[in-house]
Structures are given as structure tokens and as C-alpha cells.
């Protein structure tokens, strides 16, 4: 194996066996004798091909990209661990930067978002709601119109005394489109009310024959 003579004090020859770098460890564009060049001057094959940008490397951390002579410094913010609690419909804007993986986004429990005091007896039948994290199905029955073509429902019962008429309605029902309660009162008709007397809007037509009780005929 030959030796390459390098001028200088001593003038000792240097060969491949005296080198430690390989051709693959020599930057591309540079030539030198390497441990694997058999005492010949060869071109390096090591090429920097990085494609990272400063914003993709942590802030204050250094690196080399494509130029071995230029040390670059990262600018990516180190966010670390981020935690947030969200209600239904909430959102969290993820900040740009490095996250260390220990952060957590937590959805608040349903009970904390549905506080209330409604129960099955205060929600309409066929409807439901969430109360303190529990789904509650309503049980209030609907009272729809009974009399076709009107906005009336039949009374459940009725009672009356001097000057007053009471009509019963269905207890614990929701009146759906009902504006009037209709009661059936036997014999409550104009023919049974003294002529000209108004009772609850019904004007009587029964003639007054009270004069006959006097035995006198009035002409």
C-alpha cells in the first residue's frame, strides 16, 4: 500500500490506514483520503438533506439543515401540558407549538350541565328532558278539544248554587287548544227562564203568568 507524502516537519507519509473517517462521513463537495479510499483522494458522499424549518424545531434548540456550516435555532413554542374543561357545545382552540402529550381536554359531566328540579309529573307526556344528568320522560296527559270544530272540552262534572255555576276540569292535564269547558245542565234553557231574565247570557222566553194568581185579568 502506497503512502501519500505530506510536506512539513518530519515529512512522514500518511495513508488510508492512518485515517478514521470514511467516505460516507466526508461531506459531499469535499475530497480527502479516507480509511476506505485505498490511499486515493476521493470525494465525500455525506449530504445534508434536512427539510425542517425554524418553526418546526423547539424554541432555543439548535440544528443543522442543509448547510453544515450554518447552525440554526428553532422557534417552535414549547406549550407543555395543556388542560381544559368543556361543556356541551364548547370548543378549545389548540395553540400552535409542541405539546408534551400529558395535557388533557375533559368534557364536564352531564349532571353539572343539566341542573334542574323537573320530574316526570312536570313534563308533558311524549316529551322528555335531562335533569341532573338523568333523562326524564314526562307523564302529564294532554287534554285536547272534545267538541269537534270548537275549542271546548267537556266538564267532568258540575255544581251550582245561587249565583254560581262550577264546571269540573280534568286534574293534572295540559289543556291543549282548549279555551272553554262545556258542561251539560239539564233543563237549562230559555223556555224554563222567565221571559226577559238573563242568566249567564241565556235570556228567558217563559211568559210571566203570575197575574193569573190574583184572579184579575189585565187588559
C-alpha atoms as a PDB file:
ATOM      1  CA  UNK A   1       0.000   0.000   0.000  1.00  0.00           C
ATOM      2  CA  UNK A   2       1.438   3.358  -1.002  1.00  0.00           C
ATOM      3  CA  UNK A   3       1.882   6.407   1.164  1.00  0.00           C
ATOM      4  CA  UNK A   4       0.918   9.990   0.455  1.00  0.00           C
ATOM      5  CA  UNK A   5       3.620  12.385   1.356  1.00  0.00           C
ATOM      6  CA  UNK A   6       2.522  15.493   3.212  1.00  0.00           C
ATOM      7  CA  UNK A   7       5.162  18.209   3.340  1.00  0.00           C
ATOM      8  CA  UNK A   8       6.098  19.565   6.706  1.00  0.00           C
ATOM      9  CA  UNK A   9       8.262  18.858   9.675  1.00  0.00           C
ATOM     10  CA  UNK A  10       9.189  15.240   9.741  1.00  0.00           C
ATOM     11  CA  UNK A  11       7.828  14.594   6.235  1.00  0.00           C
ATOM     12  CA  UNK A  12       6.211  11.341   7.250  1.00  0.00           C
ATOM     13  CA  UNK A  13       3.835   9.833   4.699  1.00  0.00           C
ATOM     14  CA  UNK A  14       0.157   9.384   5.627  1.00  0.00           C
ATOM     15  CA  UNK A  15      -2.047   6.613   4.175  1.00  0.00           C
ATOM     16  CA  UNK A  16      -5.598   5.343   4.446  1.00  0.00           C
ATOM     17  CA  UNK A  17      -4.688   3.227   7.440  1.00  0.00           C
ATOM     18  CA  UNK A  18      -3.894   6.389   9.366  1.00  0.00           C
ATOM     19  CA  UNK A  19      -7.366   7.886   8.778  1.00  0.00           C
ATOM     20  CA  UNK A  20     -10.546   7.339  10.746  1.00  0.00           C
ATOM     21  CA  UNK A  21     -13.197   8.928   8.572  1.00  0.00           C
ATOM     22  CA  UNK A  22     -14.924   7.011   5.816  1.00  0.00           C
ATOM     23  CA  UNK A  23     -16.004   8.398   2.508  1.00  0.00           C
ATOM     24  CA  UNK A  24     -19.589   8.330   3.745  1.00  0.00           C
ATOM     25  CA  UNK A  25     -18.565  10.590   6.626  1.00  0.00           C
ATOM     26  CA  UNK A  26     -16.950  13.170   4.356  1.00  0.00           C
ATOM     27  CA  UNK A  27     -19.253  15.995   3.220  1.00  0.00           C
ATOM     28  CA  UNK A  28     -20.260  15.938  -0.392  1.00  0.00           C
ATOM     29  CA  UNK A  29     -18.259  18.513  -2.369  1.00  0.00           C
ATOM     30  CA  UNK A  30     -15.080  17.841  -0.405  1.00  0.00           C
ATOM     31  CA  UNK A  31     -12.216  15.479  -1.272  1.00  0.00           C
ATOM     32  CA  UNK A  32      -9.819  13.664   1.040  1.00  0.00           C
ATOM     33  CA  UNK A  33      -8.085  10.385   1.783  1.00  0.00           C
ATOM     34  CA  UNK A  34     -10.340   8.210   3.939  1.00  0.00           C
ATOM     35  CA  UNK A  35      -9.939   4.922   5.683  1.00  0.00           C
ATOM     36  CA  UNK A  36     -11.778   3.232   2.845  1.00  0.00           C
ATOM     37  CA  UNK A  37     -10.182   5.107  -0.109  1.00  0.00           C
ATOM     38  CA  UNK A  38      -7.119   2.841  -0.555  1.00  0.00           C
ATOM     39  CA  UNK A  39      -4.758   5.795  -0.225  1.00  0.00           C
ATOM     40  CA  UNK A  40      -6.542   7.612  -3.044  1.00  0.00           C
ATOM     41  CA  UNK A  41      -8.154  11.024  -2.780  1.00  0.00           C
ATOM     42  CA  UNK A  42     -11.915  10.517  -3.031  1.00  0.00           C
ATOM     43  CA  UNK A  43     -14.986  12.733  -2.964  1.00  0.00           C
ATOM     44  CA  UNK A  44     -17.194  12.663   0.085  1.00  0.00           C
ATOM     45  CA  UNK A  45     -20.754  11.358  -0.165  1.00  0.00           C
ATOM     46  CA  UNK A  46     -22.277  12.726   3.049  1.00  0.00           C
ATOM     47  CA  UNK A  47     -25.054  15.111   2.128  1.00  0.00           C
ATOM     48  CA  UNK A  48     -27.255  17.109   4.494  1.00  0.00           C
ATOM     49  CA  UNK A  49     -30.819  16.843   3.244  1.00  0.00           C
ATOM     50  CA  UNK A  50     -32.836  18.158   6.149  1.00  0.00           C
ATOM     51  CA  UNK A  51     -36.068  19.994   5.380  1.00  0.00           C
ATOM     52  CA  UNK A  52     -37.046  21.287   8.832  1.00  0.00           C
ATOM     53  CA  UNK A  53     -37.759  24.966   9.305  1.00  0.00           C
ATOM     54  CA  UNK A  54     -37.068  27.027  12.401  1.00  0.00           C
ATOM     55  CA  UNK A  55     -40.752  26.954  13.300  1.00  0.00           C
ATOM     56  CA  UNK A  56     -40.635  23.141  13.368  1.00  0.00           C
ATOM     57  CA  UNK A  57     -37.810  22.934  15.901  1.00  0.00           C
ATOM     58  CA  UNK A  58     -38.295  23.726  19.584  1.00  0.00           C
ATOM     59  CA  UNK A  59     -37.508  27.256  20.677  1.00  0.00           C
ATOM     60  CA  UNK A  60     -33.808  27.786  21.541  1.00  0.00           C
ATOM     61  CA  UNK A  61     -32.858  24.306  20.285  1.00  0.00           C
ATOM     62  CA  UNK A  62     -30.208  24.258  17.548  1.00  0.00           C
ATOM     63  CA  UNK A  63     -29.856  22.124  14.452  1.00  0.00           C
ATOM     64  CA  UNK A  64     -28.316  21.897  11.008  1.00  0.00           C
ATOM     65  CA  UNK A  65     -30.417  21.764   7.904  1.00  0.00           C
ATOM     66  CA  UNK A  66     -28.684  21.578   4.515  1.00  0.00           C
ATOM     67  CA  UNK A  67     -25.656  23.676   5.324  1.00  0.00           C
ATOM     68  CA  UNK A  68     -23.127  22.070   7.675  1.00  0.00           C
ATOM     69  CA  UNK A  69     -21.588  25.464   8.312  1.00  0.00           C
ATOM     70  CA  UNK A  70     -24.815  27.109   9.477  1.00  0.00           C
ATOM     71  CA  UNK A  71     -26.250  26.285  12.858  1.00  0.00           C
ATOM     72  CA  UNK A  72     -29.917  27.190  13.056  1.00  0.00           C
ATOM     73  CA  UNK A  73     -32.100  27.878  16.086  1.00  0.00           C
ATOM     74  CA  UNK A  74     -35.692  26.698  16.457  1.00  0.00           C
ATOM     75  CA  UNK A  75     -38.606  28.981  17.257  1.00  0.00           C
ATOM     76  CA  UNK A  76     -41.414  26.495  17.975  1.00  0.00           C
ATOM     77  CA  UNK A  77     -43.089  27.337  21.278  1.00  0.00           C
ATOM     78  CA  UNK A  78     -42.993  24.646  23.955  1.00  0.00           C
ATOM     79  CA  UNK A  79     -46.598  24.543  25.117  1.00  0.00           C
ATOM     80  CA  UNK A  80     -46.041  21.644  27.515  1.00  0.00           C
ATOM     81  CA  UNK A  81     -49.201  20.217  29.059  1.00  0.00           C
ATOM     82  CA  UNK A  82     -52.481  21.979  28.396  1.00  0.00           C
ATOM     83  CA  UNK A  83     -55.684  21.178  30.259  1.00  0.00           C
ATOM     84  CA  UNK A  84     -59.225  22.409  29.692  1.00  0.00           C
ATOM     85  CA  UNK A  85     -62.779  21.507  30.707  1.00  0.00           C
ATOM     86  CA  UNK A  86     -65.573  21.871  28.173  1.00  0.00           C
ATOM     87  CA  UNK A  87     -69.340  21.943  28.410  1.00  0.00           C
ATOM     88  CA  UNK A  88     -71.519  20.567  25.653  1.00  0.00           C
ATOM     89  CA  UNK A  89     -71.061  22.692  22.554  1.00  0.00           C
ATOM     90  CA  UNK A  90     -67.838  24.169  23.882  1.00  0.00           C
ATOM     91  CA  UNK A  91     -64.589  24.249  21.942  1.00  0.00           C
ATOM     92  CA  UNK A  92     -60.891  24.619  22.619  1.00  0.00           C
ATOM     93  CA  UNK A  93     -58.515  26.406  20.273  1.00  0.00           C
ATOM     94  CA  UNK A  94     -55.327  24.330  20.117  1.00  0.00           C
ATOM     95  CA  UNK A  95     -52.328  26.679  20.203  1.00  0.00           C
ATOM     96  CA  UNK A  96     -49.517  26.161  17.738  1.00  0.00           C
ATOM     97  CA  UNK A  97     -46.431  24.606  19.228  1.00  0.00           C
ATOM     98  CA  UNK A  98     -45.072  21.491  20.905  1.00  0.00           C
ATOM     99  CA  UNK A  99     -47.316  19.570  23.287  1.00  0.00           C
ATOM    100  CA  UNK A 100     -45.672  17.036  25.565  1.00  0.00           C
ATOM    101  CA  UNK A 101     -48.580  14.589  25.479  1.00  0.00           C
ATOM    102  CA  UNK A 102     -49.594  14.862  29.132  1.00  0.00           C
ATOM    103  CA  UNK A 103     -52.291  17.506  28.625  1.00  0.00           C
ATOM    104  CA  UNK A 104     -55.955  16.585  28.734  1.00  0.00           C
ATOM    105  CA  UNK A 105     -59.208  18.042  27.408  1.00  0.00           C
ATOM    106  CA  UNK A 106     -62.086  16.912  29.611  1.00  0.00           C
ATOM    107  CA  UNK A 107     -65.826  17.070  28.955  1.00  0.00           C
ATOM    108  CA  UNK A 108     -67.739  18.168  32.043  1.00  0.00           C
ATOM    109  CA  UNK A 109     -70.258  15.622  33.275  1.00  0.00           C
ATOM    110  CA  UNK A 110     -73.858  15.937  32.123  1.00  0.00           C
ATOM    111  CA  UNK A 111     -75.209  16.432  35.633  1.00  0.00           C
ATOM    112  CA  UNK A 112     -73.280  19.681  36.031  1.00  0.00           C
ATOM    113  CA  UNK A 113     -74.811  20.990  32.795  1.00  0.00           C
ATOM    114  CA  UNK A 114     -78.435  19.940  33.308  1.00  0.00           C
ATOM    115  CA  UNK A 115     -79.228  21.111  36.793  1.00  0.00           C
ATOM    116  CA  UNK A 116     -82.957  21.339  37.414  1.00  0.00           C
ATOM    117  CA  UNK A 117     -85.848  20.181  39.553  1.00  0.00           C
ATOM    118  CA  UNK A 118     -88.342  18.875  36.975  1.00  0.00           C
ATOM    119  CA  UNK A 119     -89.700  15.356  37.339  1.00  0.00           C
ATOM    120  CA  UNK A 120     -91.952  13.075  35.305  1.00  0.00           C
ATOM    121  CA  UNK A 121     -95.036  14.810  36.704  1.00  0.00           C
ATOM    122  CA  UNK A 122     -93.940  18.228  35.480  1.00  0.00           C
ATOM    123  CA  UNK A 123     -93.114  17.276  31.889  1.00  0.00           C
ATOM    124  CA  UNK A 124     -95.704  16.573  29.193  1.00  0.00           C
ATOM    125  CA  UNK A 125     -96.379  13.014  28.117  1.00  0.00           C
ATOM    126  CA  UNK A 126     -94.413  12.180  24.990  1.00  0.00           C
ATOM    127  CA  UNK A 127     -91.796  14.767  25.855  1.00  0.00           C
ATOM    128  CA  UNK A 128     -88.545  14.259  27.725  1.00  0.00           C
ATOM    129  CA  UNK A 129     -85.754  16.265  29.269  1.00  0.00           C
ATOM    130  CA  UNK A 130     -82.436  15.887  31.013  1.00  0.00           C
ATOM    131  CA  UNK A 131     -82.451  16.706  34.706  1.00  0.00           C
ATOM    132  CA  UNK A 132     -79.248  16.455  36.744  1.00  0.00           C
ATOM    133  CA  UNK A 133     -77.734  14.124  34.184  1.00  0.00           C
ATOM    134  CA  UNK A 134     -80.718  11.775  34.008  1.00  0.00           C
ATOM    135  CA  UNK A 135     -83.202  11.566  31.134  1.00  0.00           C
ATOM    136  CA  UNK A 136     -86.745  12.094  32.420  1.00  0.00           C
ATOM    137  CA  UNK A 137     -89.804  11.079  30.399  1.00  0.00           C
ATOM    138  CA  UNK A 138     -92.873  13.208  31.012  1.00  0.00           C
ATOM    139  CA  UNK A 139     -96.230  11.857  32.148  1.00  0.00           C
ATOM    140  CA  UNK A 140     -98.575  14.888  32.173  1.00  0.00           C
ATOM    141  CA  UNK A 141    -101.544  13.840  29.982  1.00  0.00           C
ATOM    142  CA  UNK A 142    -102.825  16.089  27.216  1.00  0.00           C
ATOM    143  CA  UNK A 143    -106.403  17.375  27.276  1.00  0.00           C
ATOM    144  CA  UNK A 144    -107.374  18.084  23.707  1.00  0.00           C
ATOM    145  CA  UNK A 145    -110.611  19.569  22.353  1.00  0.00           C
ATOM    146  CA  UNK A 146    -113.629  17.278  22.920  1.00  0.00           C
ATOM    147  CA  UNK A 147    -116.253  19.108  20.877  1.00  0.00           C
ATOM    148  CA  UNK A 148    -115.481  18.808  17.171  1.00  0.00           C
ATOM    149  CA  UNK A 149    -114.883  22.110  15.409  1.00  0.00           C
ATOM    150  CA  UNK A 150    -114.589  24.108  18.623  1.00  0.00           C
ATOM    151  CA  UNK A 151    -112.063  24.941  21.297  1.00  0.00           C
ATOM    152  CA  UNK A 152    -114.149  23.327  24.065  1.00  0.00           C
ATOM    153  CA  UNK A 153    -113.655  20.354  26.316  1.00  0.00           C
ATOM    154  CA  UNK A 154    -116.393  18.643  28.300  1.00  0.00           C
ATOM    155  CA  UNK A 155    -116.586  19.276  32.013  1.00  0.00           C
ATOM    156  CA  UNK A 156    -116.043  16.254  34.215  1.00  0.00           C
ATOM    157  CA  UNK A 157    -118.912  17.353  36.480  1.00  0.00           C
ATOM    158  CA  UNK A 158    -120.755  20.453  37.533  1.00  0.00           C
ATOM    159  CA  UNK A 159    -122.378  22.000  40.548  1.00  0.00           C
ATOM    160  CA  UNK A 160    -124.201  25.239  41.177  1.00  0.00           C
ATOM    161  CA  UNK A 161    -125.770  27.364  43.840  1.00  0.00           C
ATOM    162  CA  UNK A 162    -127.263  30.798  43.947  1.00  0.00           C
ATOM    163  CA  UNK A 163    -125.342  32.980  41.550  1.00  0.00           C
ATOM    164  CA  UNK A 164    -122.621  30.412  40.874  1.00  0.00           C
ATOM    165  CA  UNK A 165    -122.046  27.578  38.376  1.00  0.00           C
ATOM    166  CA  UNK A 166    -118.934  25.384  38.770  1.00  0.00           C
ATOM    167  CA  UNK A 167    -117.652  23.140  35.968  1.00  0.00           C
ATOM    168  CA  UNK A 168    -115.122  20.397  36.719  1.00  0.00           C
ATOM    169  CA  UNK A 169    -111.924  20.038  34.672  1.00  0.00           C
ATOM    170  CA  UNK A 170    -109.590  17.083  34.406  1.00  0.00           C
ATOM    171  CA  UNK A 171    -106.987  17.336  37.141  1.00  0.00           C
ATOM    172  CA  UNK A 172    -103.278  17.307  36.242  1.00  0.00           C
ATOM    173  CA  UNK A 173    -103.943  17.618  32.496  1.00  0.00           C
ATOM    174  CA  UNK A 174    -102.454  20.032  29.998  1.00  0.00           C
ATOM    175  CA  UNK A 175    -105.178  21.932  28.127  1.00  0.00           C
ATOM    176  CA  UNK A 176    -104.084  21.762  24.502  1.00  0.00           C
ATOM    177  CA  UNK A 177    -106.084  24.218  22.406  1.00  0.00           C
ATOM    178  CA  UNK A 178    -108.890  24.210  24.981  1.00  0.00           C
ATOM    179  CA  UNK A 179    -110.256  27.630  25.907  1.00  0.00           C
ATOM    180  CA  UNK A 180    -113.697  26.676  27.210  1.00  0.00           C
ATOM    181  CA  UNK A 181    -115.140  23.993  29.448  1.00  0.00           C
ATOM    182  CA  UNK A 182    -118.575  22.813  28.366  1.00  0.00           C
ATOM    183  CA  UNK A 183    -120.991  21.397  30.901  1.00  0.00           C
ATOM    184  CA  UNK A 184    -124.381  19.793  30.332  1.00  0.00           C
ATOM    185  CA  UNK A 185    -127.061  21.216  32.656  1.00  0.00           C
ATOM    186  CA  UNK A 186    -130.455  19.566  32.182  1.00  0.00           C
ATOM    187  CA  UNK A 187    -133.425  21.965  31.850  1.00  0.00           C
ATOM    188  CA  UNK A 188    -131.146  24.968  31.497  1.00  0.00           C
ATOM    189  CA  UNK A 189    -132.912  26.503  28.516  1.00  0.00           C
ATOM    190  CA  UNK A 190    -134.679  29.703  27.601  1.00  0.00           C
ATOM    191  CA  UNK A 191    -138.109  28.118  27.940  1.00  0.00           C
ATOM    192  CA  UNK A 192    -137.512  27.487  31.628  1.00  0.00           C
ATOM    193  CA  UNK A 193    -136.350  31.023  32.386  1.00  0.00           C
ATOM    194  CA  UNK A 194    -138.739  33.890  32.969  1.00  0.00           C
ATOM    195  CA  UNK A 195    -139.153  35.992  29.887  1.00  0.00           C
ATOM    196  CA  UNK A 196    -136.579  38.784  29.717  1.00  0.00           C
ATOM    197  CA  UNK A 197    -134.409  37.408  32.537  1.00  0.00           C
ATOM    198  CA  UNK A 198    -130.730  36.913  31.608  1.00  0.00           C
ATOM    199  CA  UNK A 199    -128.965  34.049  33.348  1.00  0.00           C
ATOM    200  CA  UNK A 200    -125.355  33.652  32.343  1.00  0.00           C
ATOM    201  CA  UNK A 201    -126.085  35.105  28.913  1.00  0.00           C
ATOM    202  CA  UNK A 202    -129.187  32.989  28.275  1.00  0.00           C
ATOM    203  CA  UNK A 203    -132.327  35.195  28.096  1.00  0.00           C
ATOM    204  CA  UNK A 204    -135.544  33.541  29.167  1.00  0.00           C
ATOM    205  CA  UNK A 205    -138.648  33.221  26.991  1.00  0.00           C
ATOM    206  CA  UNK A 206    -141.103  31.774  29.514  1.00  0.00           C
ATOM    207  CA  UNK A 207    -144.143  34.108  29.698  1.00  0.00           C
ATOM    208  CA  UNK A 208    -144.975  35.581  33.087  1.00  0.00           C
ATOM    209  CA  UNK A 209    -148.412  34.282  34.111  1.00  0.00           C
ATOM    210  CA  UNK A 210    -148.096  35.401  37.706  1.00  0.00           C
ATOM    211  CA  UNK A 211    -151.006  37.805  37.219  1.00  0.00           C
ATOM    212  CA  UNK A 212    -153.384  34.874  36.989  1.00  0.00           C
ATOM    213  CA  UNK A 213    -152.797  34.146  40.663  1.00  0.00           C
ATOM    214  CA  UNK A 214    -154.571  37.402  41.583  1.00  0.00           C
ATOM    215  CA  UNK A 215    -157.791  36.396  39.908  1.00  0.00           C
ATOM    216  CA  UNK A 216    -157.741  39.524  37.807  1.00  0.00           C
ATOM    217  CA  UNK A 217    -157.317  39.777  34.129  1.00  0.00           C
ATOM    218  CA  UNK A 218    -155.313  42.690  32.950  1.00  0.00           C
ATOM    219  CA  UNK A 219    -156.048  44.036  29.502  1.00  0.00           C
END
